[in-house]
Amino acid sequence: MKNKIFIVLFAVILISGCVSTSENSNDAVGNAISNTGVDNTMTVKNGDTIKVDYVGTLEDGSVFDTSIEQIAKKSENHQEGRSYQPLEFKVGAGQMIAGFDAAVVGMAVDEEKTVTLPPTEAYGEMNAKLVQEVPIENLKNAGIEPKAGMVISANGNPAKITKVENNIVFVDFNHELAGKILIFKITVKEIV
């Protein structure tokens, strides 16, 4: 009787040693998928602090911002000295534009998503009340020789001079992306 129990116990140990405990699996066509300790069932929720890589483009495909230096270098917006790295923020805390914040909820680590945001979910519509007429002398007295297209700082806020006409300067305080449809390619890199 002891021999039978010993043989059964030995067989169980032998079989359990042959069962793979690897976190690797195969997809439907047999390609190996490596899960390197990431819990793919964990998804982003409000209150999580996460890190994402992103590429922001306009409808014409031009890149206006990215966390990926190689992509920035190919665009007109590469900034020397900028630290290109995944963006870290707390989801739902108002640190991001509304549409970007909402887009990451439910995503898993390494998941990639492309979202198109209307102005209402991004930087808002253009607001005509934020375009102000300023006497040219006010700017000249501040040491500024105003020219259309120039970006100035007014009370710490960036503003763009849209035109100079009859000693009046038209200064636009709208965000530079106000009124624009934005497209973001987002990849969740980490849930901190």
N, C-alpha and C. Protein backbone atom coordinates (compact mmCIF):
# COMPACT_ATOMS: atom_id res chain seq x y z
N MET A 1 0.83 -1.19 0.00
CA MET A 1 0.00 0.00 0.00
C MET A 1 0.87 1.25 0.00
N LYS A 2 1.95 1.22 0.84
CA LYS A 2 2.84 2.36 0.90
C LYS A 2 3.51 2.58 -0.45
N ASN A 3 3.81 1.51 -1.15
CA ASN A 3 4.44 1.63 -2.47
C ASN A 3 3.51 2.31 -3.47
N LYS A 4 2.20 2.00 -3.41
CA LYS A 4 1.24 2.61 -4.33
C LYS A 4 1.12 4.11 -4.06
N ILE A 5 1.06 4.48 -2.79
CA ILE A 5 0.96 5.90 -2.43
C ILE A 5 2.23 6.62 -2.88
N PHE A 6 3.37 5.99 -2.66
CA PHE A 6 4.65 6.58 -3.06
C PHE A 6 4.69 6.77 -4.57
N ILE A 7 4.24 5.78 -5.33
CA ILE A 7 4.25 5.85 -6.79
C ILE A 7 3.30 6.95 -7.27
N VAL A 8 2.11 7.05 -6.69
CA VAL A 8 1.15 8.08 -7.06
C VAL A 8 1.72 9.47 -6.73
N LEU A 9 2.28 9.61 -5.54
CA LEU A 9 2.87 10.88 -5.12
C LEU A 9 4.03 11.27 -6.04
N PHE A 10 4.87 10.30 -6.38
CA PHE A 10 6.00 10.53 -7.28
C PHE A 10 5.49 10.97 -8.66
N ALA A 11 4.44 10.34 -9.16
CA ALA A 11 3.87 10.67 -10.46
C ALA A 11 3.30 12.10 -10.46
N VAL A 12 2.64 12.48 -9.37
CA VAL A 12 2.07 13.83 -9.26
C VAL A 12 3.20 14.87 -9.28
N ILE A 13 4.27 14.61 -8.53
CA ILE A 13 5.40 15.54 -8.49
C ILE A 13 6.05 15.63 -9.86
N LEU A 14 6.22 14.50 -10.51
CA LEU A 14 6.84 14.47 -11.84
C LEU A 14 5.99 15.24 -12.85
N ILE A 15 4.70 15.02 -12.83
CA ILE A 15 3.80 15.70 -13.78
C ILE A 15 3.77 17.20 -13.50
N SER A 16 3.72 17.58 -12.23
CA SER A 16 3.66 19.01 -11.92
C SER A 16 4.95 19.71 -12.33
N GLY A 17 6.06 19.02 -12.33
CA GLY A 17 7.32 19.59 -12.78
C GLY A 17 7.35 19.79 -14.28
N CYS A 18 6.52 19.08 -15.01
CA CYS A 18 6.49 19.20 -16.47
C CYS A 18 5.50 20.25 -16.95
N VAL A 19 4.65 20.76 -16.06
CA VAL A 19 3.67 21.77 -16.44
C VAL A 19 4.36 23.12 -16.46
N SER A 20 4.17 23.86 -17.52
CA SER A 20 4.80 25.17 -17.67
C SER A 20 4.12 26.19 -16.78
N THR A 21 4.94 26.94 -16.05
CA THR A 21 4.42 28.06 -15.26
C THR A 21 4.84 29.37 -15.90
N SER A 22 5.34 29.28 -17.11
CA SER A 22 5.78 30.47 -17.84
C SER A 22 4.60 31.39 -18.09
N GLU A 23 4.89 32.68 -18.16
CA GLU A 23 3.85 33.64 -18.46
C GLU A 23 3.76 33.87 -19.96
N ASN A 24 4.41 33.03 -20.74
CA ASN A 24 4.35 33.16 -22.19
C ASN A 24 3.20 32.32 -22.71
N SER A 25 2.64 32.75 -23.83
CA SER A 25 1.56 31.99 -24.44
C SER A 25 1.68 32.15 -25.95
N ASN A 26 0.76 31.55 -26.67
CA ASN A 26 0.76 31.66 -28.12
C ASN A 26 -0.53 32.31 -28.57
N ASP A 27 -0.45 33.06 -29.68
CA ASP A 27 -1.66 33.63 -30.22
C ASP A 27 -2.37 32.58 -31.08
N ALA A 28 -3.42 32.99 -31.77
CA ALA A 28 -4.26 32.05 -32.51
C ALA A 28 -3.51 31.33 -33.62
N VAL A 29 -2.44 31.92 -34.15
CA VAL A 29 -1.69 31.26 -35.22
C VAL A 29 -0.38 30.67 -34.73
N GLY A 30 -0.19 30.61 -33.42
CA GLY A 30 0.98 29.95 -32.86
C GLY A 30 2.18 30.84 -32.60
N ASN A 31 2.07 32.14 -32.85
CA ASN A 31 3.18 33.04 -32.55
C ASN A 31 3.33 33.22 -31.05
N ALA A 32 4.56 33.23 -30.57
CA ALA A 32 4.80 33.38 -29.14
C ALA A 32 4.48 34.80 -28.69
N ILE A 33 3.78 34.90 -27.58
CA ILE A 33 3.48 36.18 -26.95
C ILE A 33 4.15 36.15 -25.60
N SER A 34 4.97 37.15 -25.34
CA SER A 34 5.67 37.22 -24.06
C SER A 34 4.99 38.21 -23.15
N ASN A 35 4.54 37.76 -22.02
CA ASN A 35 3.97 38.63 -20.99
C ASN A 35 5.01 38.74 -19.90
N THR A 36 5.71 39.83 -19.87
CA THR A 36 6.84 39.97 -18.95
C THR A 36 6.39 40.48 -17.59
N GLY A 37 5.57 39.73 -16.93
CA GLY A 37 5.16 40.08 -15.58
C GLY A 37 4.13 41.19 -15.52
N VAL A 38 3.64 41.68 -16.67
CA VAL A 38 2.65 42.74 -16.66
C VAL A 38 1.28 42.12 -16.51
N ASP A 39 0.50 42.66 -15.59
CA ASP A 39 -0.87 42.19 -15.40
C ASP A 39 -1.74 42.87 -16.45
N ASN A 40 -1.97 42.16 -17.56
CA ASN A 40 -2.73 42.74 -18.66
C ASN A 40 -4.20 42.95 -18.34
N THR A 41 -4.66 42.43 -17.21
CA THR A 41 -6.05 42.65 -16.83
C THR A 41 -6.20 43.97 -16.09
N MET A 42 -5.09 44.58 -15.68
CA MET A 42 -5.14 45.85 -14.97
C MET A 42 -5.32 46.97 -15.98
N THR A 43 -6.34 47.78 -15.79
CA THR A 43 -6.59 48.88 -16.71
C THR A 43 -6.61 50.20 -15.95
N VAL A 44 -6.42 51.26 -16.69
CA VAL A 44 -6.37 52.60 -16.13
C VAL A 44 -7.76 53.01 -15.64
N LYS A 45 -7.79 53.61 -14.46
CA LYS A 45 -9.04 54.14 -13.93
C LYS A 45 -8.78 55.53 -13.35
N ASN A 46 -9.85 56.28 -13.13
CA ASN A 46 -9.70 57.61 -12.53
C ASN A 46 -8.98 57.50 -11.21
N GLY A 47 -8.06 58.41 -10.97
CA GLY A 47 -7.28 58.41 -9.74
C GLY A 47 -5.92 57.76 -9.89
N ASP A 48 -5.74 56.95 -10.96
CA ASP A 48 -4.44 56.32 -11.20
C ASP A 48 -3.44 57.36 -11.70
N THR A 49 -2.20 57.19 -11.30
CA THR A 49 -1.11 57.96 -11.89
C THR A 49 -0.50 57.06 -12.95
N ILE A 50 -0.40 57.59 -14.16
CA ILE A 50 0.09 56.78 -15.28
C ILE A 50 1.17 57.52 -16.05
N LYS A 51 1.88 56.75 -16.88
CA LYS A 51 2.85 57.32 -17.82
C LYS A 51 2.42 56.89 -19.21
N VAL A 52 2.38 57.85 -20.13
CA VAL A 52 1.99 57.56 -21.51
C VAL A 52 2.98 58.18 -22.48
N ASP A 53 3.14 57.52 -23.62
CA ASP A 53 3.77 58.14 -24.77
C ASP A 53 2.63 58.61 -25.66
N TYR A 54 2.83 59.72 -26.34
CA TYR A 54 1.76 60.25 -27.19
C TYR A 54 2.35 61.01 -28.37
N VAL A 55 1.54 61.08 -29.42
CA VAL A 55 1.84 61.92 -30.57
C VAL A 55 0.56 62.69 -30.86
N GLY A 56 0.64 64.01 -30.81
CA GLY A 56 -0.51 64.86 -31.10
C GLY A 56 -0.36 65.46 -32.48
N THR A 57 -1.37 65.27 -33.32
CA THR A 57 -1.34 65.81 -34.68
C THR A 57 -2.60 66.61 -34.96
N LEU A 58 -2.50 67.48 -35.95
CA LEU A 58 -3.66 68.19 -36.45
C LEU A 58 -4.27 67.37 -37.58
N GLU A 59 -5.39 67.83 -38.10
CA GLU A 59 -6.07 67.08 -39.17
C GLU A 59 -5.21 66.93 -40.41
N ASP A 60 -4.29 67.86 -40.64
CA ASP A 60 -3.42 67.77 -41.82
C ASP A 60 -2.23 66.83 -41.60
N GLY A 61 -2.16 66.21 -40.42
CA GLY A 61 -1.09 65.26 -40.12
C GLY A 61 0.14 65.88 -39.48
N SER A 62 0.18 67.20 -39.37
CA SER A 62 1.35 67.84 -38.77
C SER A 62 1.37 67.60 -37.26
N VAL A 63 2.56 67.30 -36.75
CA VAL A 63 2.74 67.01 -35.32
C VAL A 63 2.86 68.33 -34.57
N PHE A 64 2.00 68.52 -33.55
CA PHE A 64 2.12 69.73 -32.73
C PHE A 64 2.78 69.44 -31.39
N ASP A 65 2.78 68.16 -30.96
CA ASP A 65 3.45 67.80 -29.71
C ASP A 65 3.61 66.28 -29.65
N THR A 66 4.67 65.84 -28.96
CA THR A 66 4.91 64.41 -28.77
C THR A 66 5.86 64.21 -27.60
N SER A 67 5.80 63.03 -27.03
CA SER A 67 6.74 62.66 -25.96
C SER A 67 7.89 61.83 -26.53
N ILE A 68 7.88 61.60 -27.83
CA ILE A 68 8.85 60.71 -28.48
C ILE A 68 9.81 61.55 -29.33
N GLU A 69 11.07 61.59 -28.92
CA GLU A 69 12.04 62.49 -29.57
C GLU A 69 12.23 62.19 -31.05
N GLN A 70 12.26 60.90 -31.44
CA GLN A 70 12.48 60.57 -32.85
C GLN A 70 11.38 61.17 -33.73
N ILE A 71 10.16 61.17 -33.23
CA ILE A 71 9.05 61.76 -34.00
C ILE A 71 9.17 63.28 -34.00
N ALA A 72 9.54 63.85 -32.86
CA ALA A 72 9.70 65.31 -32.77
C ALA A 72 10.77 65.79 -33.75
N LYS A 73 11.85 65.04 -33.88
CA LYS A 73 12.94 65.44 -34.79
C LYS A 73 12.48 65.47 -36.24
N LYS A 74 11.49 64.66 -36.59
CA LYS A 74 10.98 64.63 -37.95
C LYS A 74 9.95 65.74 -38.20
N SER A 75 9.51 66.40 -37.13
CA SER A 75 8.51 67.46 -37.26
C SER A 75 9.18 68.82 -37.15
N GLU A 76 8.40 69.85 -37.31
CA GLU A 76 8.92 71.22 -37.18
C GLU A 76 8.98 71.66 -35.73
N ASN A 77 8.51 70.82 -34.81
CA ASN A 77 8.38 71.23 -33.42
C ASN A 77 9.40 70.63 -32.48
N HIS A 78 10.51 70.11 -32.99
CA HIS A 78 11.54 69.56 -32.10
C HIS A 78 12.14 70.69 -31.28
N GLN A 79 12.27 70.45 -29.98
CA GLN A 79 12.82 71.47 -29.08
C GLN A 79 14.12 70.95 -28.48
N GLU A 80 15.23 71.58 -28.85
CA GLU A 80 16.53 71.21 -28.28
C GLU A 80 16.49 71.42 -26.78
N GLY A 81 17.04 70.48 -26.04
CA GLY A 81 17.11 70.61 -24.59
C GLY A 81 15.88 70.08 -23.87
N ARG A 82 14.79 69.83 -24.61
CA ARG A 82 13.60 69.27 -23.97
C ARG A 82 13.86 67.81 -23.64
N SER A 83 13.37 67.38 -22.50
CA SER A 83 13.49 65.98 -22.11
C SER A 83 12.28 65.23 -22.65
N TYR A 84 12.50 64.47 -23.71
CA TYR A 84 11.42 63.67 -24.29
C TYR A 84 11.32 62.36 -23.53
N GLN A 85 10.21 62.17 -22.85
CA GLN A 85 9.99 60.96 -22.06
C GLN A 85 8.49 60.80 -21.86
N PRO A 86 8.04 59.62 -21.42
CA PRO A 86 6.60 59.45 -21.20
C PRO A 86 6.05 60.52 -20.25
N LEU A 87 4.86 60.98 -20.56
CA LEU A 87 4.17 61.98 -19.77
C LEU A 87 3.51 61.31 -18.57
N GLU A 88 3.74 61.82 -17.38
CA GLU A 88 3.14 61.26 -16.17
C GLU A 88 2.06 62.22 -15.68
N PHE A 89 0.88 61.67 -15.38
CA PHE A 89 -0.19 62.49 -14.83
C PHE A 89 -1.18 61.62 -14.06
N LYS A 90 -1.99 62.28 -13.24
CA LYS A 90 -3.03 61.59 -12.47
C LYS A 90 -4.33 61.70 -13.25
N VAL A 91 -4.90 60.57 -13.60
CA VAL A 91 -6.11 60.50 -14.41
C VAL A 91 -7.30 61.09 -13.64
N GLY A 92 -8.04 61.97 -14.30
CA GLY A 92 -9.23 62.54 -13.70
C GLY A 92 -8.98 63.71 -12.76
N ALA A 93 -7.73 64.15 -12.66
CA ALA A 93 -7.39 65.24 -11.73
C ALA A 93 -7.39 66.60 -12.41
N GLY A 94 -7.78 66.65 -13.68
CA GLY A 94 -7.81 67.93 -14.38
C GLY A 94 -6.45 68.41 -14.85
N GLN A 95 -5.48 67.52 -14.88
CA GLN A 95 -4.13 67.89 -15.33
C GLN A 95 -4.01 67.87 -16.85
N MET A 96 -4.95 67.22 -17.51
CA MET A 96 -4.91 67.07 -18.96
C MET A 96 -6.20 67.64 -19.56
N ILE A 97 -6.19 67.86 -20.88
CA ILE A 97 -7.43 68.27 -21.53
C ILE A 97 -8.43 67.12 -21.38
N ALA A 98 -9.71 67.46 -21.33
CA ALA A 98 -10.76 66.50 -20.98
C ALA A 98 -10.77 65.25 -21.87
N GLY A 99 -10.65 65.42 -23.17
CA GLY A 99 -10.72 64.27 -24.08
C GLY A 99 -9.56 63.31 -23.93
N PHE A 100 -8.37 63.84 -23.66
CA PHE A 100 -7.18 63.01 -23.45
C PHE A 100 -7.35 62.21 -22.17
N ASP A 101 -7.79 62.90 -21.12
CA ASP A 101 -8.02 62.27 -19.81
C ASP A 101 -9.02 61.11 -19.94
N ALA A 102 -10.12 61.36 -20.62
CA ALA A 102 -11.16 60.34 -20.78
C ALA A 102 -10.68 59.18 -21.65
N ALA A 103 -9.83 59.46 -22.63
CA ALA A 103 -9.39 58.44 -23.58
C ALA A 103 -8.56 57.34 -22.93
N VAL A 104 -7.81 57.66 -21.89
CA VAL A 104 -6.92 56.65 -21.29
C VAL A 104 -7.65 55.72 -20.32
N VAL A 105 -8.83 56.11 -19.85
CA VAL A 105 -9.58 55.27 -18.91
C VAL A 105 -9.95 53.96 -19.61
N GLY A 106 -9.63 52.85 -18.96
CA GLY A 106 -9.93 51.53 -19.52
C GLY A 106 -8.79 50.93 -20.33
N MET A 107 -7.75 51.71 -20.60
CA MET A 107 -6.61 51.18 -21.37
C MET A 107 -5.71 50.35 -20.47
N ALA A 108 -5.03 49.38 -21.05
CA ALA A 108 -4.07 48.53 -20.33
C ALA A 108 -2.66 48.97 -20.69
N VAL A 109 -1.70 48.55 -19.88
CA VAL A 109 -0.30 48.85 -20.16
C VAL A 109 0.07 48.27 -21.53
N ASP A 110 0.79 49.04 -22.31
CA ASP A 110 1.24 48.72 -23.67
C ASP A 110 0.12 48.79 -24.71
N GLU A 111 -1.09 49.14 -24.30
CA GLU A 111 -2.17 49.32 -25.26
C GLU A 111 -2.00 50.65 -25.97
N GLU A 112 -2.29 50.66 -27.25
CA GLU A 112 -2.20 51.87 -28.06
C GLU A 112 -3.58 52.23 -28.57
N LYS A 113 -3.89 53.52 -28.57
CA LYS A 113 -5.20 53.98 -29.01
C LYS A 113 -5.02 55.31 -29.74
N THR A 114 -5.80 55.51 -30.79
CA THR A 114 -5.82 56.79 -31.48
C THR A 114 -7.20 57.40 -31.27
N VAL A 115 -7.21 58.66 -30.80
CA VAL A 115 -8.47 59.34 -30.54
C VAL A 115 -8.49 60.68 -31.27
N THR A 116 -9.67 61.04 -31.74
CA THR A 116 -9.88 62.33 -32.39
C THR A 116 -10.74 63.17 -31.47
N LEU A 117 -10.21 64.33 -31.08
CA LEU A 117 -10.90 65.18 -30.12
C LEU A 117 -11.42 66.45 -30.78
N PRO A 118 -12.73 66.70 -30.66
CA PRO A 118 -13.25 67.98 -31.14
C PRO A 118 -12.78 69.10 -30.21
N PRO A 119 -12.84 70.34 -30.63
CA PRO A 119 -12.38 71.44 -29.78
C PRO A 119 -12.99 71.44 -28.38
N THR A 120 -14.25 71.02 -28.26
CA THR A 120 -14.91 71.04 -26.95
C THR A 120 -14.26 70.09 -25.95
N GLU A 121 -13.54 69.06 -26.44
CA GLU A 121 -12.85 68.11 -25.56
C GLU A 121 -11.35 68.39 -25.50
N ALA A 122 -10.94 69.49 -26.17
CA ALA A 122 -9.51 69.83 -26.21
C ALA A 122 -9.33 71.22 -25.59
N TYR A 123 -9.01 72.21 -26.41
CA TYR A 123 -8.72 73.55 -25.90
C TYR A 123 -9.87 74.53 -26.12
N GLY A 124 -11.04 74.01 -26.45
CA GLY A 124 -12.22 74.86 -26.61
C GLY A 124 -12.31 75.50 -27.98
N GLU A 125 -13.46 76.10 -28.20
CA GLU A 125 -13.68 76.84 -29.45
C GLU A 125 -12.96 78.18 -29.36
N MET A 126 -12.75 78.79 -30.50
CA MET A 126 -12.19 80.15 -30.52
C MET A 126 -13.21 81.08 -29.85
N ASN A 127 -12.71 81.95 -28.99
CA ASN A 127 -13.57 82.89 -28.28
C ASN A 127 -13.21 84.29 -28.73
N ALA A 128 -14.11 84.94 -29.47
CA ALA A 128 -13.85 86.27 -30.02
C ALA A 128 -13.57 87.29 -28.91
N LYS A 129 -14.10 87.06 -27.72
CA LYS A 129 -13.88 87.99 -26.60
C LYS A 129 -12.43 87.96 -26.11
N LEU A 130 -11.69 86.92 -26.51
CA LEU A 130 -10.29 86.82 -26.10
C LEU A 130 -9.34 87.47 -27.09
N VAL A 131 -9.89 88.08 -28.14
CA VAL A 131 -9.08 88.88 -29.07
C VAL A 131 -9.32 90.33 -28.68
N GLN A 132 -8.26 90.97 -28.21
CA GLN A 132 -8.41 92.33 -27.69
C GLN A 132 -7.63 93.33 -28.53
N GLU A 133 -8.16 94.54 -28.57
CA GLU A 133 -7.50 95.63 -29.27
C GLU A 133 -6.69 96.43 -28.25
N VAL A 134 -5.41 96.60 -28.56
CA VAL A 134 -4.51 97.29 -27.65
C VAL A 134 -3.84 98.43 -28.42
N PRO A 135 -3.81 99.63 -27.84
CA PRO A 135 -3.10 100.73 -28.52
C PRO A 135 -1.63 100.36 -28.72
N ILE A 136 -1.12 100.63 -29.91
CA ILE A 136 0.26 100.27 -30.24
C ILE A 136 1.26 100.89 -29.26
N GLU A 137 0.94 102.07 -28.77
CA GLU A 137 1.84 102.75 -27.84
C GLU A 137 2.04 101.95 -26.55
N ASN A 138 1.00 101.24 -26.10
CA ASN A 138 1.14 100.42 -24.88
C ASN A 138 2.25 99.38 -25.05
N LEU A 139 2.29 98.76 -26.21
CA LEU A 139 3.31 97.74 -26.46
C LEU A 139 4.68 98.38 -26.67
N LYS A 140 4.71 99.47 -27.41
CA LYS A 140 6.00 100.15 -27.65
C LYS A 140 6.59 100.65 -26.33
N ASN A 141 5.74 101.13 -25.44
CA ASN A 141 6.21 101.59 -24.12
C ASN A 141 6.77 100.43 -23.30
N ALA A 142 6.34 99.21 -23.61
CA ALA A 142 6.85 98.02 -22.92
C ALA A 142 8.06 97.44 -23.65
N GLY A 143 8.55 98.16 -24.67
CA GLY A 143 9.73 97.70 -25.39
C GLY A 143 9.44 96.68 -26.47
N ILE A 144 8.19 96.59 -26.89
CA ILE A 144 7.80 95.61 -27.92
C ILE A 144 7.46 96.35 -29.21
N GLU A 145 8.10 95.94 -30.30
CA GLU A 145 7.78 96.45 -31.63
C GLU A 145 6.84 95.42 -32.26
N PRO A 146 5.51 95.63 -32.16
CA PRO A 146 4.55 94.60 -32.55
C PRO A 146 4.53 94.31 -34.04
N LYS A 147 4.46 93.01 -34.35
CA LYS A 147 4.34 92.53 -35.73
C LYS A 147 3.35 91.37 -35.73
N ALA A 148 2.57 91.25 -36.79
CA ALA A 148 1.62 90.15 -36.91
C ALA A 148 2.36 88.81 -36.84
N GLY A 149 1.81 87.88 -36.07
CA GLY A 149 2.42 86.57 -35.90
C GLY A 149 3.31 86.46 -34.67
N MET A 150 3.67 87.59 -34.11
CA MET A 150 4.54 87.61 -32.93
C MET A 150 3.78 87.09 -31.70
N VAL A 151 4.47 86.30 -30.89
CA VAL A 151 3.89 85.83 -29.63
C VAL A 151 4.52 86.63 -28.50
N ILE A 152 3.66 87.20 -27.69
CA ILE A 152 4.13 88.01 -26.56
C ILE A 152 3.60 87.42 -25.26
N SER A 153 4.11 87.90 -24.16
CA SER A 153 3.62 87.49 -22.85
C SER A 153 2.88 88.67 -22.25
N ALA A 154 1.64 88.45 -21.89
CA ALA A 154 0.83 89.49 -21.27
C ALA A 154 0.35 88.97 -19.92
N ASN A 155 0.84 89.56 -18.86
CA ASN A 155 0.53 89.11 -17.50
C ASN A 155 0.87 87.63 -17.31
N GLY A 156 1.96 87.20 -17.93
CA GLY A 156 2.40 85.81 -17.78
C GLY A 156 1.72 84.83 -18.71
N ASN A 157 0.79 85.30 -19.52
CA ASN A 157 0.07 84.43 -20.45
C ASN A 157 0.53 84.69 -21.88
N PRO A 158 0.73 83.62 -22.67
CA PRO A 158 1.12 83.84 -24.06
C PRO A 158 -0.07 84.39 -24.86
N ALA A 159 0.22 85.30 -25.74
CA ALA A 159 -0.80 85.88 -26.61
C ALA A 159 -0.15 86.12 -27.97
N LYS A 160 -0.95 85.99 -29.01
CA LYS A 160 -0.43 86.14 -30.37
C LYS A 160 -0.98 87.42 -30.99
N ILE A 161 -0.09 88.19 -31.57
CA ILE A 161 -0.51 89.39 -32.29
C ILE A 161 -1.01 88.93 -33.66
N THR A 162 -2.30 89.18 -33.92
CA THR A 162 -2.87 88.70 -35.19
C THR A 162 -2.76 89.75 -36.29
N LYS A 163 -2.83 91.03 -35.91
CA LYS A 163 -2.62 92.08 -36.92
C LYS A 163 -2.34 93.41 -36.22
N VAL A 164 -1.71 94.29 -36.98
CA VAL A 164 -1.42 95.66 -36.52
C VAL A 164 -2.03 96.58 -37.57
N GLU A 165 -2.93 97.46 -37.11
CA GLU A 165 -3.68 98.28 -38.06
C GLU A 165 -4.06 99.62 -37.41
N ASN A 166 -3.71 100.72 -38.08
CA ASN A 166 -4.08 102.06 -37.60
C ASN A 166 -3.75 102.29 -36.13
N ASN A 167 -2.53 101.98 -35.75
CA ASN A 167 -2.05 102.17 -34.38
C ASN A 167 -2.78 101.31 -33.34
N ILE A 168 -3.47 100.29 -33.83
CA ILE A 168 -4.14 99.33 -32.94
C ILE A 168 -3.52 97.96 -33.20
N VAL A 169 -3.25 97.24 -32.11
CA VAL A 169 -2.70 95.88 -32.20
C VAL A 169 -3.79 94.92 -31.74
N PHE A 170 -4.07 93.90 -32.55
CA PHE A 170 -5.05 92.89 -32.19
C PHE A 170 -4.30 91.72 -31.56
N VAL A 171 -4.59 91.48 -30.29
CA VAL A 171 -3.88 90.47 -29.50
C VAL A 171 -4.85 89.35 -29.16
N ASP A 172 -4.51 88.12 -29.57
CA ASP A 172 -5.36 86.94 -29.38
C ASP A 172 -4.87 86.15 -28.17
N PHE A 173 -5.72 86.06 -27.14
CA PHE A 173 -5.40 85.33 -25.92
C PHE A 173 -5.94 83.90 -25.94
N ASN A 174 -6.56 83.47 -27.03
CA ASN A 174 -7.00 82.08 -27.15
C ASN A 174 -5.78 81.16 -27.15
N HIS A 175 -5.96 79.94 -26.67
CA HIS A 175 -4.89 78.95 -26.77
C HIS A 175 -4.60 78.73 -28.25
N GLU A 176 -3.34 78.50 -28.59
CA GLU A 176 -2.98 78.34 -30.00
C GLU A 176 -3.70 77.17 -30.68
N LEU A 177 -4.21 76.21 -29.89
CA LEU A 177 -4.92 75.06 -30.47
C LEU A 177 -6.44 75.17 -30.30
N ALA A 178 -6.91 76.32 -29.83
CA ALA A 178 -8.36 76.53 -29.68
C ALA A 178 -9.02 76.46 -31.06
N GLY A 179 -10.18 75.82 -31.10
CA GLY A 179 -10.93 75.71 -32.34
C GLY A 179 -10.45 74.62 -33.28
N LYS A 180 -9.45 73.86 -32.85
CA LYS A 180 -8.88 72.83 -33.74
C LYS A 180 -9.25 71.42 -33.27
N ILE A 181 -9.42 70.54 -34.25
CA ILE A 181 -9.61 69.11 -33.98
C ILE A 181 -8.22 68.52 -33.78
N LEU A 182 -8.05 67.80 -32.68
CA LEU A 182 -6.75 67.22 -32.35
C LEU A 182 -6.83 65.70 -32.41
N ILE A 183 -5.78 65.08 -32.91
CA ILE A 183 -5.70 63.62 -33.00
C ILE A 183 -4.51 63.18 -32.16
N PHE A 184 -4.77 62.28 -31.21
CA PHE A 184 -3.71 61.76 -30.35
C PHE A 184 -3.55 60.26 -30.53
N LYS A 185 -2.32 59.83 -30.71
CA LYS A 185 -1.97 58.41 -30.66
C LYS A 185 -1.34 58.23 -29.27
N ILE A 186 -1.99 57.44 -28.43
CA ILE A 186 -1.60 57.29 -27.02
C ILE A 186 -1.21 55.85 -26.74
N THR A 187 -0.10 55.64 -26.04
CA THR A 187 0.31 54.32 -25.58
C THR A 187 0.55 54.40 -24.08
N VAL A 188 -0.18 53.60 -23.31
CA VAL A 188 0.04 53.56 -21.86
C VAL A 188 1.32 52.77 -21.61
N LYS A 189 2.28 53.40 -20.97
CA LYS A 189 3.57 52.76 -20.68
C LYS A 189 3.61 52.15 -19.29
N GLU A 190 2.91 52.78 -18.34
CA GLU A 190 2.99 52.30 -16.96
C GLU A 190 1.82 52.85 -16.14
N ILE A 191 1.30 52.02 -15.25
CA ILE A 191 0.38 52.48 -14.22
C ILE A 191 1.23 52.49 -12.96
N VAL A 192 1.50 53.69 -12.45
CA VAL A 192 2.46 53.85 -11.35
C VAL A 192 1.86 53.39 -10.03
